[in-house]
Amino acid sequence: MNKFQLEQNKAFKLANDLKQGGRARVGADDAPKADRREQRKLDQAKGLVPFACKLDEKLVKQLKERAETHEGGMTEALAELLVAAGLSR
């Protein structure tokens, strides 16, 4: 690889790191990464499974507002709504 390709590769890595959450900052610690892993293990122990879907923007806004006031956050607020809709846990 010539110098231009090396610099281009560094730029691509930097752009990708920034897209991944800004972890490319100088001196950034790895604590957020460990927290995510720890949270994933806790969720798995509870039997929680990630579930993604596409929703209308207005509905998402309502869900976020409801989750802000709910003590369990978004996950518990959605679970409560699904149970109330007739889906059981």
Protein backbone atom coordinates (compact mmCIF):
# COMPACT_ATOMS: atom_id res chain seq x y z
CA MET A 1 0.00 0.00 0.00
CA ASN A 2 1.21 3.47 -0.75
CA LYS A 3 0.92 6.43 1.62
CA PHE A 4 -2.33 7.67 0.05
CA GLN A 5 -4.03 4.28 0.53
CA LEU A 6 -2.88 4.12 4.15
CA GLU A 7 -4.28 7.58 4.87
CA GLN A 8 -7.50 6.73 3.05
CA ASN A 9 -7.84 3.56 5.13
CA LYS A 10 -7.36 5.60 8.34
CA ALA A 11 -10.06 8.02 7.19
CA PHE A 12 -12.49 5.15 6.53
CA LYS A 13 -11.80 3.69 9.98
CA LEU A 14 -12.33 7.08 11.61
CA ALA A 15 -15.61 7.65 9.74
CA ASN A 16 -16.83 4.18 10.71
CA ASP A 17 -15.91 4.74 14.37
CA LEU A 18 -17.79 8.02 14.37
CA LYS A 19 -20.86 6.30 12.91
CA GLN A 20 -20.62 3.66 15.62
CA GLY A 21 -21.07 6.24 18.34
CA GLY A 22 -18.10 8.55 18.43
CA ARG A 23 -15.69 6.11 20.04
CA ALA A 24 -12.83 7.33 17.84
CA ARG A 25 -12.04 10.19 20.22
CA VAL A 26 -8.52 10.33 21.58
CA GLY A 27 -8.37 8.92 25.09
CA ALA A 28 -11.88 7.46 24.99
CA ASP A 29 -12.24 4.64 27.47
CA ASP A 30 -13.94 1.32 26.77
CA ALA A 31 -16.47 1.64 29.59
CA PRO A 32 -19.56 2.11 27.36
CA LYS A 33 -18.69 -1.06 25.46
CA ALA A 34 -18.40 -3.07 28.68
CA ASP A 35 -21.69 -1.60 29.92
CA ARG A 36 -23.49 -2.78 26.80
CA ARG A 37 -22.12 -6.28 27.19
CA GLU A 38 -23.08 -6.35 30.84
CA GLN A 39 -26.57 -5.07 30.01
CA ARG A 40 -26.93 -7.72 27.28
CA LYS A 41 -26.03 -10.45 29.79
CA LEU A 42 -28.54 -9.08 32.30
CA ASP A 43 -31.24 -8.96 29.62
CA GLN A 44 -30.50 -12.53 28.55
CA ALA A 45 -30.72 -13.69 32.16
CA LYS A 46 -34.19 -12.11 32.35
CA GLY A 47 -35.19 -13.92 29.16
CA LEU A 48 -35.40 -10.70 27.13
CA VAL A 49 -34.86 -10.87 23.38
CA PRO A 50 -34.12 -7.88 21.12
CA PHE A 51 -37.02 -7.17 18.76
CA ALA A 52 -36.96 -4.50 16.06
CA CYS A 53 -39.86 -3.21 14.01
CA LYS A 54 -40.84 -0.16 12.00
CA LEU A 55 -43.49 2.12 13.44
CA ASP A 56 -45.19 5.33 12.42
CA GLU A 57 -43.36 8.47 13.59
CA LYS A 58 -46.37 9.74 15.56
CA LEU A 59 -46.70 6.43 17.37
CA VAL A 60 -43.00 6.39 18.25
CA LYS A 61 -43.30 9.90 19.68
CA GLN A 62 -46.23 8.79 21.85
CA LEU A 63 -44.30 5.71 22.99
CA LYS A 64 -41.26 7.78 23.93
CA GLU A 65 -43.42 10.20 25.93
CA ARG A 66 -45.06 7.30 27.73
CA ALA A 67 -41.70 5.63 28.40
CA GLU A 68 -40.30 8.83 29.95
CA THR A 69 -42.94 8.72 32.67
CA HIS A 70 -42.82 4.93 33.08
CA GLU A 71 -40.50 3.70 35.82
CA GLY A 72 -39.32 0.71 33.76
CA GLY A 73 -38.46 2.70 30.66
CA MET A 74 -39.34 1.80 27.08
CA THR A 75 -39.08 -1.97 27.50
CA GLU A 76 -41.46 -2.18 30.42
CA ALA A 77 -43.86 0.38 28.91
CA LEU A 78 -44.11 -1.63 25.69
CA ALA A 79 -44.49 -4.90 27.58
CA GLU A 80 -47.30 -3.36 29.64
CA LEU A 81 -49.07 -2.15 26.48
CA LEU A 82 -48.76 -5.54 24.79
CA VAL A 83 -50.14 -7.35 27.83
CA ALA A 84 -53.01 -4.88 28.02
CA ALA A 85 -53.71 -5.54 24.32
CA GLY A 86 -54.30 -9.20 25.09
CA LEU A 87 -50.83 -10.64 24.51
CA SER A 88 -49.63 -12.55 27.56
CA ARG A 89 -46.15 -12.72 29.02
